[in-house]
Amino acid sequence: MSPVAKERLYRKYLKGQTVKDLSLEFGCLPQRVKAVIFLKHLYWEEVYPKLGEVHMRIAMEKEMMYAAEFPFVDYGCDLKVMGELEKGVQMRSFAETGKSDAKIKDKEPNETADYLKKMRSR
C-alpha cells in the first residue's frame, strides 16, 4: 500500500471505522489493516515527536523514489487470498454406506474383525 493509503486507513480508524470495514474498503486482510494501524500509531506517537518534520519529509521523499521504480498498489493487495478464505475449507468425512459394489464373501468381514481384535495397541 502507498503511504497515502496507509495514512487514510489510519485516519479512518481513528474516526471510528472498524477493522473489518477498512479491510473490505481497502481490499486487504484484517491482519494487514491491524499492522498498518499499529505502525502508524507507533510512528505518530513515538517517532514523529522525537525526529520531527525534517525526518518525515526525508522519509516521504525516499518513499516517492521507491514508488517511481515499484508502483504501490492502493487497493486489492490481498484480494486473491481473501477470495480463497471466502471459499471456506474443504471438509472430508467418511461414513459407512452399508452395501458395497465389491463382492465380499460373508466370512471376510468376520476374519477382519477377529484379526483386529487380536492386534495389540502400540
Protein backbone atom coordinates (compact mmCIF):
# COMPACT_ATOMS: atom_id res chain seq x y z
CA MET A 1 0.00 0.00 0.00
CA SER A 2 1.13 3.53 -0.64
CA PRO A 3 1.97 5.80 2.27
CA VAL A 4 -1.03 7.98 1.39
CA ALA A 5 -3.40 4.99 1.52
CA LYS A 6 -1.91 3.86 4.84
CA GLU A 7 -2.44 7.32 6.29
CA ARG A 8 -6.06 7.40 5.03
CA LEU A 9 -6.63 3.97 6.58
CA TYR A 10 -5.22 5.13 9.91
CA ARG A 11 -7.27 8.35 9.91
CA LYS A 12 -10.47 6.44 9.17
CA TYR A 13 -9.69 4.04 12.00
CA LEU A 14 -9.23 6.98 14.36
CA LYS A 15 -12.62 8.32 13.26
CA GLY A 16 -14.25 5.05 14.34
CA GLN A 17 -14.37 2.68 11.38
CA THR A 18 -13.92 -0.99 12.27
CA VAL A 19 -11.05 -3.16 11.09
CA LYS A 20 -13.47 -5.33 9.11
CA ASP A 21 -14.92 -2.32 7.27
CA LEU A 22 -11.45 -1.00 6.49
CA SER A 23 -10.37 -4.43 5.29
CA LEU A 24 -13.23 -4.55 2.81
CA GLU A 25 -12.79 -0.91 1.76
CA PHE A 26 -9.06 -1.23 1.04
CA GLY A 27 -9.15 -4.85 -0.21
CA CYS A 28 -6.60 -6.20 2.24
CA LEU A 29 -6.60 -8.73 5.04
CA PRO A 30 -7.63 -7.64 8.54
CA GLN A 31 -4.15 -8.63 9.74
CA ARG A 32 -2.62 -6.11 7.33
CA VAL A 33 -5.06 -3.42 8.48
CA LYS A 34 -4.09 -4.05 12.10
CA ALA A 35 -0.39 -3.93 11.21
CA VAL A 36 -0.79 -0.61 9.37
CA ILE A 37 -2.75 0.87 12.26
CA PHE A 38 -0.12 -0.28 14.75
CA LEU A 39 2.78 1.06 12.69
CA LYS A 40 1.10 4.42 12.04
CA HIS A 41 0.23 4.77 15.72
CA LEU A 42 3.82 3.95 16.63
CA TYR A 43 5.10 6.49 14.11
CA TRP A 44 2.84 9.36 15.21
CA GLU A 45 3.18 8.69 18.95
CA GLU A 46 6.85 7.65 19.24
CA VAL A 47 8.93 8.53 16.17
CA TYR A 48 7.48 11.82 14.94
CA PRO A 49 7.72 13.68 18.29
CA LYS A 50 11.42 12.77 18.56
CA LEU A 51 12.57 13.24 14.96
CA GLY A 52 10.19 15.93 13.73
CA GLU A 53 9.17 17.42 10.41
CA VAL A 54 12.52 17.11 8.61
CA HIS A 55 12.63 13.34 9.13
CA MET A 56 9.06 12.99 7.83
CA ARG A 57 9.90 14.93 4.65
CA ILE A 58 13.03 12.84 4.01
CA ALA A 59 11.03 9.63 4.53
CA MET A 60 8.32 10.82 2.12
CA GLU A 61 10.94 11.67 -0.48
CA LYS A 62 12.50 8.20 -0.19
CA GLU A 63 9.08 6.56 -0.48
CA MET A 64 8.35 8.53 -3.65
CA MET A 65 11.71 7.50 -5.14
CA TYR A 66 10.84 3.88 -4.38
CA ALA A 67 7.37 4.34 -5.90
CA ALA A 68 8.93 5.62 -9.12
CA GLU A 69 10.50 2.18 -9.69
CA PHE A 70 7.95 -0.05 -7.98
CA PRO A 71 4.44 1.43 -8.06
CA PHE A 72 2.29 0.98 -4.96
CA VAL A 73 -1.00 -0.93 -5.02
CA ASP A 74 -3.60 1.08 -3.11
CA TYR A 75 -6.47 -1.39 -3.39
CA GLY A 76 -6.71 -5.14 -3.57
CA CYS A 77 -3.27 -6.30 -2.47
CA ASP A 78 -4.85 -9.31 -0.70
CA LEU A 79 -7.96 -9.92 -2.80
CA LYS A 80 -6.79 -13.32 -4.04
CA VAL A 81 -6.12 -14.57 -0.51
CA MET A 82 -9.41 -13.12 0.73
CA GLY A 83 -11.25 -14.91 -2.06
CA GLU A 84 -9.66 -18.21 -1.09
CA LEU A 85 -10.66 -17.67 2.54
CA GLU A 86 -14.25 -16.90 1.50
CA LYS A 87 -14.48 -20.26 -0.26
CA GLY A 88 -14.02 -21.99 3.07
CA VAL A 89 -12.19 -25.15 3.99
CA GLN A 90 -13.00 -28.43 2.34
CA MET A 91 -14.10 -30.98 4.94
CA ARG A 92 -13.93 -34.65 4.22
CA SER A 93 -15.80 -37.22 6.24
CA PHE A 94 -16.03 -40.94 5.90
CA ALA A 95 -19.13 -42.94 6.73
CA GLU A 96 -20.30 -46.46 6.16
CA THR A 97 -22.53 -46.70 3.17
CA GLY A 98 -23.97 -50.08 4.01
CA LYS A 99 -23.69 -52.00 0.79
CA SER A 100 -20.57 -52.09 -1.31
CA ASP A 101 -20.07 -52.54 -5.02
CA ALA A 102 -17.38 -55.11 -4.35
CA LYS A 103 -18.47 -58.70 -3.90
CA ILE A 104 -17.14 -59.59 -0.46
CA LYS A 105 -17.59 -63.07 0.92
CA ASP A 106 -19.61 -63.30 4.11
CA LYS A 107 -16.75 -64.67 6.20
CA GLU A 108 -14.20 -61.99 5.20
CA PRO A 109 -15.61 -59.20 7.40
CA ASN A 110 -15.61 -61.59 10.36
CA GLU A 111 -11.98 -62.56 9.66
CA THR A 112 -11.00 -58.91 9.54
CA ALA A 113 -12.80 -58.13 12.81
CA ASP A 114 -11.13 -61.13 14.50
CA TYR A 115 -7.72 -60.06 13.23
CA LEU A 116 -8.21 -56.52 14.53
CA LYS A 117 -9.32 -57.81 17.96
CA LYS A 118 -6.07 -59.79 18.28
CA MET A 119 -3.90 -56.77 17.45
CA ARG A 120 -2.28 -55.01 20.39
CA SER A 121 -2.08 -51.23 20.53
CA ARG A 122 1.37 -49.72 20.18
